[in-house]
C-alpha atoms as a PDB file:
ATOM      1  CA  UNK A   1      18.517  47.929  17.185  1.00  0.00           C
ATOM      2  CA  UNK A   2      17.603  44.262  17.013  1.00  0.00           C
ATOM      3  CA  UNK A   3      13.840  43.602  17.099  1.00  0.00           C
ATOM      4  CA  UNK A   4      12.426  40.737  19.058  1.00  0.00           C
ATOM      5  CA  UNK A   5      10.956  37.954  16.863  1.00  0.00           C
ATOM      6  CA  UNK A   6       7.526  36.510  16.611  1.00  0.00           C
ATOM      7  CA  UNK A   7       7.717  33.051  15.049  1.00  0.00           C
ATOM      8  CA  UNK A   8       4.741  32.092  12.812  1.00  0.00           C
ATOM      9  CA  UNK A   9       4.401  28.563  11.467  1.00  0.00           C
ATOM     10  CA  UNK A  10       2.060  26.996   8.947  1.00  0.00           C
ATOM     11  CA  UNK A  11       1.855  23.533   7.410  1.00  0.00           C
ATOM     12  CA  UNK A  12       2.456  22.120   3.951  1.00  0.00           C
ATOM     13  CA  UNK A  13      -0.528  20.813   2.005  1.00  0.00           C
ATOM     14  CA  UNK A  14      -1.980  17.440   3.108  1.00  0.00           C
ATOM     15  CA  UNK A  15      -4.944  15.163   2.587  1.00  0.00           C
ATOM     16  CA  UNK A  16      -4.968  15.588  -1.232  1.00  0.00           C
ATOM     17  CA  UNK A  17      -5.058  19.414  -1.101  1.00  0.00           C
ATOM     18  CA  UNK A  18      -2.823  21.428  -3.406  1.00  0.00           C
ATOM     19  CA  UNK A  19      -2.182  24.158  -0.801  1.00  0.00           C
ATOM     20  CA  UNK A  20      -2.507  24.881   2.869  1.00  0.00           C
ATOM     21  CA  UNK A  21      -3.825  28.332   3.780  1.00  0.00           C
ATOM     22  CA  UNK A  22      -1.971  28.263   7.119  1.00  0.00           C
ATOM     23  CA  UNK A  23       1.340  28.408   5.178  1.00  0.00           C
ATOM     24  CA  UNK A  24       0.060  30.710   2.499  1.00  0.00           C
ATOM     25  CA  UNK A  25      -0.907  33.216   5.264  1.00  0.00           C
ATOM     26  CA  UNK A  26       2.162  33.143   7.405  1.00  0.00           C
ATOM     27  CA  UNK A  27       4.484  33.261   4.337  1.00  0.00           C
ATOM     28  CA  UNK A  28       2.915  36.582   3.337  1.00  0.00           C
ATOM     29  CA  UNK A  29       3.731  38.092   6.740  1.00  0.00           C
ATOM     30  CA  UNK A  30       7.329  37.000   6.793  1.00  0.00           C
ATOM     31  CA  UNK A  31       9.581  39.965   7.420  1.00  0.00           C
ATOM     32  CA  UNK A  32       6.825  42.376   8.561  1.00  0.00           C
ATOM     33  CA  UNK A  33       7.077  44.371  11.733  1.00  0.00           C
ATOM     34  CA  UNK A  34       4.203  44.569  14.231  1.00  0.00           C
ATOM     35  CA  UNK A  35       4.338  46.349  17.604  1.00  0.00           C
ATOM     36  CA  UNK A  36       8.154  46.481  17.457  1.00  0.00           C
ATOM     37  CA  UNK A  37       8.479  42.779  16.705  1.00  0.00           C
ATOM     38  CA  UNK A  38       9.814  41.194  13.495  1.00  0.00           C
ATOM     39  CA  UNK A  39       7.669  38.386  12.039  1.00  0.00           C
ATOM     40  CA  UNK A  40       9.488  35.256  10.903  1.00  0.00           C
ATOM     41  CA  UNK A  41       7.522  32.641   9.036  1.00  0.00           C
ATOM     42  CA  UNK A  42       8.404  28.856   8.618  1.00  0.00           C
ATOM     43  CA  UNK A  43       6.717  25.883   7.150  1.00  0.00           C
ATOM     44  CA  UNK A  44       6.232  22.633   9.175  1.00  0.00           C
ATOM     45  CA  UNK A  45       5.812  19.282   7.581  1.00  0.00           C
ATOM     46  CA  UNK A  46       2.455  17.590   8.102  1.00  0.00           C
ATOM     47  CA  UNK A  47       4.273  14.614   9.600  1.00  0.00           C
ATOM     48  CA  UNK A  48       4.046  13.259  13.179  1.00  0.00           C
ATOM     49  CA  UNK A  49       7.414  13.643  14.913  1.00  0.00           C
ATOM     50  CA  UNK A  50       9.127  15.494  12.137  1.00  0.00           C
ATOM     51  CA  UNK A  51       7.000  18.539  12.690  1.00  0.00           C
ATOM     52  CA  UNK A  52       8.122  18.789  16.315  1.00  0.00           C
ATOM     53  CA  UNK A  53      11.734  18.297  15.467  1.00  0.00           C
ATOM     54  CA  UNK A  54      11.471  21.128  12.947  1.00  0.00           C
ATOM     55  CA  UNK A  55       9.692  23.366  15.459  1.00  0.00           C
ATOM     56  CA  UNK A  56      12.422  22.757  18.090  1.00  0.00           C
ATOM     57  CA  UNK A  57      15.083  23.746  15.552  1.00  0.00           C
ATOM     58  CA  UNK A  58      13.177  26.918  14.690  1.00  0.00           C
ATOM     59  CA  UNK A  59      12.961  27.898  18.394  1.00  0.00           C
ATOM     60  CA  UNK A  60      16.669  27.527  18.748  1.00  0.00           C
ATOM     61  CA  UNK A  61      17.337  29.422  15.545  1.00  0.00           C
ATOM     62  CA  UNK A  62      15.074  32.379  16.003  1.00  0.00           C
ATOM     63  CA  UNK A  63      14.867  32.610  19.812  1.00  0.00           C
ATOM     64  CA  UNK A  64      11.472  34.189  19.489  1.00  0.00           C
ATOM     65  CA  UNK A  65       9.586  36.196  22.079  1.00  0.00           C
ATOM     66  CA  UNK A  66       6.265  34.711  20.935  1.00  0.00           C
ATOM     67  CA  UNK A  67       5.211  31.725  18.847  1.00  0.00           C
ATOM     68  CA  UNK A  68       1.944  31.420  16.930  1.00  0.00           C
ATOM     69  CA  UNK A  69       1.366  28.174  15.001  1.00  0.00           C
ATOM     70  CA  UNK A  70      -1.390  27.974  12.407  1.00  0.00           C
ATOM     71  CA  UNK A  71      -3.236  25.075  10.879  1.00  0.00           C
ATOM     72  CA  UNK A  72      -6.070  24.448   8.406  1.00  0.00           C
ATOM     73  CA  UNK A  73      -9.403  23.161   9.739  1.00  0.00           C
ATOM     74  CA  UNK A  74     -11.978  21.929   7.255  1.00  0.00           C
ATOM     75  CA  UNK A  75     -15.553  22.734   8.125  1.00  0.00           C
ATOM     76  CA  UNK A  76     -14.859  25.656  10.454  1.00  0.00           C
ATOM     77  CA  UNK A  77     -16.373  28.991   9.708  1.00  0.00           C
ATOM     78  CA  UNK A  78     -14.296  31.215  11.855  1.00  0.00           C
ATOM     79  CA  UNK A  79     -10.804  31.844  13.144  1.00  0.00           C
ATOM     80  CA  UNK A  80     -10.456  29.264  15.926  1.00  0.00           C
ATOM     81  CA  UNK A  81      -8.338  30.256  18.902  1.00  0.00           C
ATOM     82  CA  UNK A  82      -7.278  26.957  20.459  1.00  0.00           C
ATOM     83  CA  UNK A  83      -7.440  26.711  24.219  1.00  0.00           C
ATOM     84  CA  UNK A  84      -6.073  23.239  24.971  1.00  0.00           C
ATOM     85  CA  UNK A  85      -3.835  20.592  23.432  1.00  0.00           C
ATOM     86  CA  UNK A  86      -4.223  16.948  24.545  1.00  0.00           C
ATOM     87  CA  UNK A  87      -1.619  14.255  24.789  1.00  0.00           C
ATOM     88  CA  UNK A  88      -2.838  11.885  22.114  1.00  0.00           C
ATOM     89  CA  UNK A  89      -2.340  11.193  18.381  1.00  0.00           C
ATOM     90  CA  UNK A  90      -5.332   9.493  16.837  1.00  0.00           C
ATOM     91  CA  UNK A  91      -5.153   9.991  13.023  1.00  0.00           C
ATOM     92  CA  UNK A  92      -8.220   9.448  10.915  1.00  0.00           C
ATOM     93  CA  UNK A  93      -5.990   9.855   7.773  1.00  0.00           C
ATOM     94  CA  UNK A  94      -2.332   9.279   7.203  1.00  0.00           C
ATOM     95  CA  UNK A  95       0.174  12.151   7.469  1.00  0.00           C
ATOM     96  CA  UNK A  96       2.369  13.140   4.577  1.00  0.00           C
ATOM     97  CA  UNK A  97       4.876  10.358   5.483  1.00  0.00           C
ATOM     98  CA  UNK A  98       2.154   7.691   5.548  1.00  0.00           C
ATOM     99  CA  UNK A  99       2.006   7.414   9.321  1.00  0.00           C
ATOM    100  CA  UNK A 100      -1.321   6.937  10.987  1.00  0.00           C
ATOM    101  CA  UNK A 101      -0.899   6.612  14.759  1.00  0.00           C
ATOM    102  CA  UNK A 102      -3.983   5.541  16.705  1.00  0.00           C
ATOM    103  CA  UNK A 103      -4.518   6.211  20.417  1.00  0.00           C
ATOM    104  CA  UNK A 104      -0.788   6.880  21.015  1.00  0.00           C
ATOM    105  CA  UNK A 105       0.531   9.498  23.434  1.00  0.00           C
ATOM    106  CA  UNK A 106       2.556  12.294  22.040  1.00  0.00           C
ATOM    107  CA  UNK A 107       4.858  12.134  25.075  1.00  0.00           C
ATOM    108  CA  UNK A 108       4.666   8.999  27.140  1.00  0.00           C
ATOM    109  CA  UNK A 109       5.640  10.804  30.348  1.00  0.00           C
ATOM    110  CA  UNK A 110       3.873  14.081  29.443  1.00  0.00           C
ATOM    111  CA  UNK A 111       0.849  15.645  31.218  1.00  0.00           C
ATOM    112  CA  UNK A 112      -2.571  14.824  29.838  1.00  0.00           C
ATOM    113  CA  UNK A 113      -2.969  18.381  28.411  1.00  0.00           C
ATOM    114  CA  UNK A 114      -1.454  21.797  28.045  1.00  0.00           C
ATOM    115  CA  UNK A 115      -3.296  25.077  27.888  1.00  0.00           C
ATOM    116  CA  UNK A 116      -2.272  27.917  25.607  1.00  0.00           C
ATOM    117  CA  UNK A 117      -0.236  30.799  27.047  1.00  0.00           C
ATOM    118  CA  UNK A 118      -1.612  33.322  24.530  1.00  0.00           C
ATOM    119  CA  UNK A 119      -4.239  35.862  25.643  1.00  0.00           C
ATOM    120  CA  UNK A 120      -6.936  34.181  23.549  1.00  0.00           C
ATOM    121  CA  UNK A 121      -9.869  36.069  25.091  1.00  0.00           C
ATOM    122  CA  UNK A 122      -8.292  39.450  24.435  1.00  0.00           C
ATOM    123  CA  UNK A 123      -7.456  38.234  20.905  1.00  0.00           C
ATOM    124  CA  UNK A 124     -11.091  37.131  20.433  1.00  0.00           C
ATOM    125  CA  UNK A 125     -12.419  40.535  21.618  1.00  0.00           C
ATOM    126  CA  UNK A 126     -10.094  42.303  19.224  1.00  0.00           C
ATOM    127  CA  UNK A 127     -11.133  40.150  16.264  1.00  0.00           C
ATOM    128  CA  UNK A 128     -14.855  40.640  17.019  1.00  0.00           C
ATOM    129  CA  UNK A 129     -14.341  44.384  17.281  1.00  0.00           C
ATOM    130  CA  UNK A 130     -12.816  44.319  13.746  1.00  0.00           C
ATOM    131  CA  UNK A 131     -15.808  42.354  12.460  1.00  0.00           C
ATOM    132  CA  UNK A 132     -13.822  39.105  11.922  1.00  0.00           C
ATOM    133  CA  UNK A 133     -15.598  35.822  12.674  1.00  0.00           C
ATOM    134  CA  UNK A 134     -13.654  34.177  15.508  1.00  0.00           C
ATOM    135  CA  UNK A 135     -14.271  31.704  18.355  1.00  0.00           C
ATOM    136  CA  UNK A 136     -12.470  29.994  21.224  1.00  0.00           C
ATOM    137  CA  UNK A 137     -12.075  26.345  20.443  1.00  0.00           C
ATOM    138  CA  UNK A 138     -11.679  23.633  23.048  1.00  0.00           C
ATOM    139  CA  UNK A 139     -10.312  20.969  20.698  1.00  0.00           C
ATOM    140  CA  UNK A 140      -7.460  21.246  18.215  1.00  0.00           C
ATOM    141  CA  UNK A 141      -8.312  17.689  16.982  1.00  0.00           C
ATOM    142  CA  UNK A 142      -6.006  14.730  17.232  1.00  0.00           C
ATOM    143  CA  UNK A 143      -4.029  15.023  14.032  1.00  0.00           C
ATOM    144  CA  UNK A 144      -0.711  16.838  13.365  1.00  0.00           C
ATOM    145  CA  UNK A 145      -2.089  20.230  14.438  1.00  0.00           C
ATOM    146  CA  UNK A 146      -2.803  19.073  18.000  1.00  0.00           C
ATOM    147  CA  UNK A 147       0.457  17.175  17.880  1.00  0.00           C
ATOM    148  CA  UNK A 148       2.329  20.383  17.188  1.00  0.00           C
ATOM    149  CA  UNK A 149       0.264  22.409  19.716  1.00  0.00           C
ATOM    150  CA  UNK A 150       1.024  19.955  22.494  1.00  0.00           C
ATOM    151  CA  UNK A 151       4.634  19.688  21.537  1.00  0.00           C
ATOM    152  CA  UNK A 152       4.979  23.497  21.336  1.00  0.00           C
ATOM    153  CA  UNK A 153       3.604  23.931  24.839  1.00  0.00           C
ATOM    154  CA  UNK A 154       5.855  21.220  26.141  1.00  0.00           C
ATOM    155  CA  UNK A 155       8.921  22.910  24.573  1.00  0.00           C
ATOM    156  CA  UNK A 156       7.794  26.285  26.004  1.00  0.00           C
ATOM    157  CA  UNK A 157       7.519  24.851  29.542  1.00  0.00           C
ATOM    158  CA  UNK A 158      11.261  24.603  29.498  1.00  0.00           C
ATOM    159  CA  UNK A 159      11.653  28.186  28.156  1.00  0.00           C
ATOM    160  CA  UNK A 160      10.438  30.584  30.834  1.00  0.00           C
ATOM    161  CA  UNK A 161       9.031  33.871  29.399  1.00  0.00           C
ATOM    162  CA  UNK A 162       8.375  32.403  25.971  1.00  0.00           C
ATOM    163  CA  UNK A 163       4.626  32.294  25.217  1.00  0.00           C
ATOM    164  CA  UNK A 164       2.832  30.545  22.364  1.00  0.00           C
ATOM    165  CA  UNK A 165      -0.202  28.796  21.134  1.00  0.00           C
ATOM    166  CA  UNK A 166      -2.179  27.533  18.075  1.00  0.00           C
ATOM    167  CA  UNK A 167      -4.791  28.900  15.823  1.00  0.00           C
ATOM    168  CA  UNK A 168      -6.908  27.129  13.146  1.00  0.00           C
ATOM    169  CA  UNK A 169      -8.116  28.922  10.133  1.00  0.00           C
ATOM    170  CA  UNK A 170     -10.805  27.841   7.579  1.00  0.00           C
ATOM    171  CA  UNK A 171     -10.214  26.652   4.005  1.00  0.00           C
ATOM    172  CA  UNK A 172      -9.312  29.330   1.440  1.00  0.00           C
ATOM    173  CA  UNK A 173     -11.961  29.988  -1.189  1.00  0.00           C
ATOM    174  CA  UNK A 174     -10.108  28.260  -3.975  1.00  0.00           C
ATOM    175  CA  UNK A 175     -10.099  25.035  -1.930  1.00  0.00           C
ATOM    176  CA  UNK A 176     -13.842  24.790  -1.762  1.00  0.00           C
ATOM    177  CA  UNK A 177     -14.806  25.474  -5.399  1.00  0.00           C
ATOM    178  CA  UNK A 178     -15.658  21.757  -5.796  1.00  0.00           C
ATOM    179  CA  UNK A 179     -16.480  21.031  -2.166  1.00  0.00           C
ATOM    180  CA  UNK A 180     -20.159  21.306  -1.571  1.00  0.00           C
ATOM    181  CA  UNK A 181     -21.283  23.294   1.499  1.00  0.00           C
ATOM    182  CA  UNK A 182     -17.726  23.780   2.853  1.00  0.00           C
ATOM    183  CA  UNK A 183     -17.036  27.204   4.458  1.00  0.00           C
ATOM    184  CA  UNK A 184     -13.973  29.256   3.599  1.00  0.00           C
ATOM    185  CA  UNK A 185     -12.318  32.570   4.475  1.00  0.00           C
ATOM    186  CA  UNK A 186     -10.706  35.071   2.150  1.00  0.00           C
ATOM    187  CA  UNK A 187      -6.949  35.365   2.527  1.00  0.00           C
ATOM    188  CA  UNK A 188      -7.138  39.121   3.044  1.00  0.00           C
ATOM    189  CA  UNK A 189      -9.333  38.635   6.113  1.00  0.00           C
ATOM    190  CA  UNK A 190      -7.066  35.922   7.473  1.00  0.00           C
ATOM    191  CA  UNK A 191      -4.070  38.250   7.128  1.00  0.00           C
ATOM    192  CA  UNK A 192      -5.961  41.053   8.810  1.00  0.00           C
ATOM    193  CA  UNK A 193      -6.835  38.619  11.661  1.00  0.00           C
ATOM    194  CA  UNK A 194      -3.245  37.422  12.059  1.00  0.00           C
ATOM    195  CA  UNK A 195      -1.869  40.976  12.267  1.00  0.00           C
ATOM    196  CA  UNK A 196      -4.445  41.797  15.037  1.00  0.00           C
ATOM    197  CA  UNK A 197      -3.734  38.535  16.868  1.00  0.00           C
ATOM    198  CA  UNK A 198      -0.019  39.133  16.876  1.00  0.00           C
ATOM    199  CA  UNK A 199      -0.364  42.761  17.967  1.00  0.00           C
ATOM    200  CA  UNK A 200      -2.686  41.770  20.800  1.00  0.00           C
ATOM    201  CA  UNK A 201      -0.515  38.860  21.942  1.00  0.00           C
ATOM    202  CA  UNK A 202       2.656  40.949  22.210  1.00  0.00           C
ATOM    203  CA  UNK A 203       0.880  43.728  24.003  1.00  0.00           C
ATOM    204  CA  UNK A 204      -1.382  41.842  26.431  1.00  0.00           C
ATOM    205  CA  UNK A 205       0.453  39.950  29.129  1.00  0.00           C
ATOM    206  CA  UNK A 206      -2.545  38.871  31.221  1.00  0.00           C
ATOM    207  CA  UNK A 207      -5.692  37.714  29.491  1.00  0.00           C
ATOM    208  CA  UNK A 208      -9.133  39.260  30.113  1.00  0.00           C
ATOM    209  CA  UNK A 209     -12.106  37.504  31.489  1.00  0.00           C
ATOM    210  CA  UNK A 210     -14.700  37.107  28.724  1.00  0.00           C
ATOM    211  CA  UNK A 211     -17.540  34.550  28.375  1.00  0.00           C
ATOM    212  CA  UNK A 212     -16.709  32.536  25.245  1.00  0.00           C
ATOM    213  CA  UNK A 213     -17.357  28.953  26.266  1.00  0.00           C
ATOM    214  CA  UNK A 214     -19.779  26.531  24.732  1.00  0.00           C
ATOM    215  CA  UNK A 215     -22.756  24.478  25.990  1.00  0.00           C
ATOM    216  CA  UNK A 216     -21.796  21.328  24.154  1.00  0.00           C
END
């Protein structure tokens, strides 16, 4: 019997890094089965525009039931469940193709923002119960991660029944050896978190109410 697919994406290395833990993590889960779903991992280029073209091809290829895109976030100490994507590219650094858009809409006629369709509060509760540092984040930045998150939700708006969202993970330990005071998270813990997030997302249709906001 054919299993429904969960599409997992990560990015290639950027910004002078030799690796990207988002891709390292999802690549390790490729082919696994969770809650009756097959996991399919794919790498997106850290390039404005190209990343969304690649993502659209992957949606057509895999016809997934659920999509979870991952990205690396320097300075973050926990798994960050992204709540909202905004319609702006504002790059502090160039992408891997040398592009550096500033104050440009991702989609000229698109809405100002999209919210995730993943049950992020239920996912948060599950991660905390497992002792994994996690938080709801209200900003996915304005680089290629937010670009992909916004583009994903726009693509899903035309695909009823398909849910998805974006999660940021911290640096991996080997990335911070020479970076003073930068937090990291062991890959084994990231993998445990990913398995729990996927399991929760495929099993929880309607999110729970849980206070997880911020005061600033």
